[in-house]
Structures are given as C-alpha cells and as structure tokens.
Amino acid sequence: MNIAEILDEIKGKAGKNPELKKRILQTRREPNPLTAFCVLCRELGYPVYEMDLACAGESFYAEIKRSTNGGGENSPLLKGEDDFYEMFFAELEREER
C-alpha cells in the first residue's frame, strides 16, 4: 500500500470513528505535529514516517508531470499541490464542518 492509499484508509476510518478523528486532529497541536501524526499512524498499524510524507507528494506530482505531454509539461507547482500531509488534514477538517 502506498502513502496515498494509507492516508485514504486512515481518513476513512476517522470518518467513521469520531474518537480517532479527534486524536488525529490533536496531533496538529503538538510541538512537532508531523512526528506526532506519524507516531499515531504507526500505533494504528500503518508504517508512516516523516520522509514518506515529504517524498510521496513530490514523487506523485513528478510522475504526473512526466506523464503529461511526453514529460514536457512545465506548468508551475501550485502551493500545497504536492503535500499529502496538508491535503490529508484539509480534507479531514473540511469533513468536520
């Protein structure tokens, strides 16, 4: 399972379990929120580490760019477009409203 699939699975579980969702959102208030989130993921049985999150979005975005127009695509990266961690929380917090 890749990092995007893991995050989708965790988000799905959080959507069905308010206590889990609360625990995930609380990681954002920790002194090192990324590490706290990764520790929680590992407690839940998902092997997620800081570098996994940092590299996954960039790798995914690069693959998309290479597949467009024979790899010649050079459109600018939109802010946050390759940040799976931030996108995960944006979607989770949007569901809360």
Protein backbone atom coordinates (compact mmCIF):
# COMPACT_ATOMS: atom_id res chain seq x y z
CA MET A 1 0.00 0.00 0.00
CA ASN A 2 1.44 3.40 -0.93
CA ILE A 3 1.25 6.50 1.25
CA ALA A 4 -1.78 7.93 -0.59
CA GLU A 5 -3.70 4.70 -0.06
CA ILE A 6 -2.70 4.59 3.61
CA LEU A 7 -3.85 8.16 4.18
CA ASP A 8 -7.15 7.46 2.40
CA GLU A 9 -7.70 4.41 4.59
CA ILE A 10 -6.92 6.34 7.77
CA LYS A 11 -9.22 9.18 6.66
CA GLY A 12 -12.00 6.66 6.00
CA LYS A 13 -11.57 5.14 9.46
CA ALA A 14 -11.53 8.61 11.03
CA GLY A 15 -14.77 9.46 9.24
CA LYS A 16 -16.44 6.51 10.95
CA ASN A 17 -14.77 6.93 14.33
CA PRO A 18 -15.08 10.37 15.97
CA GLU A 19 -12.57 9.47 18.70
CA LEU A 20 -9.93 8.54 16.12
CA LYS A 21 -10.63 11.72 14.18
CA LYS A 22 -10.18 13.74 17.37
CA ARG A 23 -6.85 12.01 18.08
CA ILE A 24 -5.63 12.70 14.56
CA LEU A 25 -6.64 16.37 14.71
CA GLN A 26 -4.96 16.73 18.11
CA THR A 27 -1.61 15.85 16.55
CA ARG A 28 -1.72 19.28 14.88
CA ARG A 29 -1.42 20.91 18.32
CA GLU A 30 1.75 19.03 19.29
CA PRO A 31 5.14 20.79 19.28
CA ASN A 32 6.13 18.61 16.30
CA PRO A 33 2.80 17.82 14.59
CA LEU A 34 4.24 15.81 11.69
CA THR A 35 6.10 13.46 14.03
CA ALA A 36 3.07 13.14 16.32
CA PHE A 37 0.91 12.23 13.32
CA CYS A 38 3.40 9.62 12.11
CA VAL A 39 3.65 8.09 15.59
CA LEU A 40 -0.15 7.81 15.70
CA CYS A 41 -0.19 6.20 12.25
CA ARG A 42 2.32 3.62 13.42
CA GLU A 43 0.24 2.98 16.56
CA LEU A 44 -2.66 2.26 14.22
CA GLY A 45 -0.50 -0.24 12.31
CA TYR A 46 0.46 1.92 9.33
CA PRO A 47 4.20 2.30 8.63
CA VAL A 48 4.19 6.06 8.05
CA TYR A 49 7.32 8.12 8.62
CA GLU A 50 8.10 11.79 8.10
CA MET A 51 10.17 11.22 4.98
CA ASP A 52 7.41 9.06 3.50
CA LEU A 53 5.08 12.04 3.64
CA ALA A 54 7.68 14.50 2.43
CA CYS A 55 8.69 12.42 -0.57
CA ALA A 56 5.33 10.92 -1.53
CA GLY A 57 3.71 14.11 -2.75
CA GLU A 58 6.75 15.22 -4.67
CA SER A 59 7.15 11.81 -6.31
CA PHE A 60 3.48 11.61 -7.18
CA TYR A 61 3.44 15.09 -8.65
CA ALA A 62 6.62 14.40 -10.63
CA GLU A 63 5.07 11.23 -12.10
CA ILE A 64 2.03 13.19 -13.23
CA LYS A 65 4.22 15.88 -14.78
CA ARG A 66 6.29 13.30 -16.66
CA SER A 67 3.18 11.56 -18.00
CA THR A 68 1.74 14.77 -19.44
CA ASN A 69 2.67 15.63 -23.00
CA GLY A 70 5.50 13.13 -23.08
CA GLY A 71 7.10 14.54 -19.98
CA GLY A 72 7.49 18.03 -21.38
CA GLU A 73 4.95 19.59 -19.04
CA ASN A 74 6.43 22.53 -17.18
CA SER A 75 3.45 24.18 -15.53
CA PRO A 76 4.21 25.71 -12.14
CA LEU A 77 3.56 23.78 -8.97
CA LEU A 78 0.61 25.16 -7.07
CA LYS A 79 1.17 25.78 -3.38
CA GLY A 80 0.44 22.62 -1.39
CA GLU A 81 -0.31 20.60 -4.50
CA ASP A 82 2.34 18.03 -3.63
CA ASP A 83 1.85 17.98 0.15
CA PHE A 84 -0.09 14.83 1.05
CA TYR A 85 0.09 15.65 4.77
CA GLU A 86 -1.53 19.07 4.38
CA MET A 87 -4.08 17.78 1.88
CA PHE A 88 -5.00 14.97 4.29
CA PHE A 89 -5.73 17.44 7.09
CA ALA A 90 -7.53 19.87 4.80
CA GLU A 91 -9.91 17.11 3.73
CA LEU A 92 -10.33 15.81 7.28
CA GLU A 93 -11.08 19.29 8.65
CA ARG A 94 -13.47 20.05 5.75
CA GLU A 95 -15.47 16.94 6.64
CA GLU A 96 -15.75 18.23 10.20
CA ARG A 97 -17.70 21.33 9.16
